[in-house]
Amino acid sequence: MRHVNKGQVIVREFVEADREALRKLFVASRDAAFSWAAVGAHKLEDFDVSTAGERILVAEHSCTPIGFASVWQDDSFLHNLFVHPHYQRCGVGRMLLAGCDRYFSAAPTLKCLKANDPAKRFYQSQGWRVCSEADGPEGPYVLMVRAGPNDSLSTNPG
């Protein structure tokens, strides 16, 4: 983990010049987070497939992408949020979440793999709550929702 002053990180819109760096970041982050996956299971082109048609925000430090989030705007769905392993626990994920807020027109949702305990804890610390569980192609996941300050939610802590 590197020490990063939040003032040194900017969150901005994706530009095509970011693609190669984000492909590598996506693989490195998934390899680190999904320790149960086989070596080589994550491919550079997975980034392209996973973010197609989505709004992408990039967290940048010293002109280098260190994280990204992608949102499927039509459904207020946070599809991806990944921070390079060297920059985790520095506030970058919170900054990306805050940047996504303008793209949510309803209470946002996300899916998080049940096996990814650090991510579940992070989202819960940011006000997201589990509302259901299901199985997907990558394994069992929880569907999470973030209520606004005046919303009440019935959640299943599952």
Foldseek 3Di string as FASTA:
>chain_A
DDADDPVQKDKDWDDPVCLQLVLVQVVQQCCVQVVVDDVPPRGSCVVVVQQPPWTKMFIDGPNHTQWMWTAPLVQLETEDTTGRPVCPPNCPSVNRVVVSVVSHPAFYKYKDAPSRVVVVVVVVVVQKAFAAWDADPVGIITMITHDDPPDDDDHDND
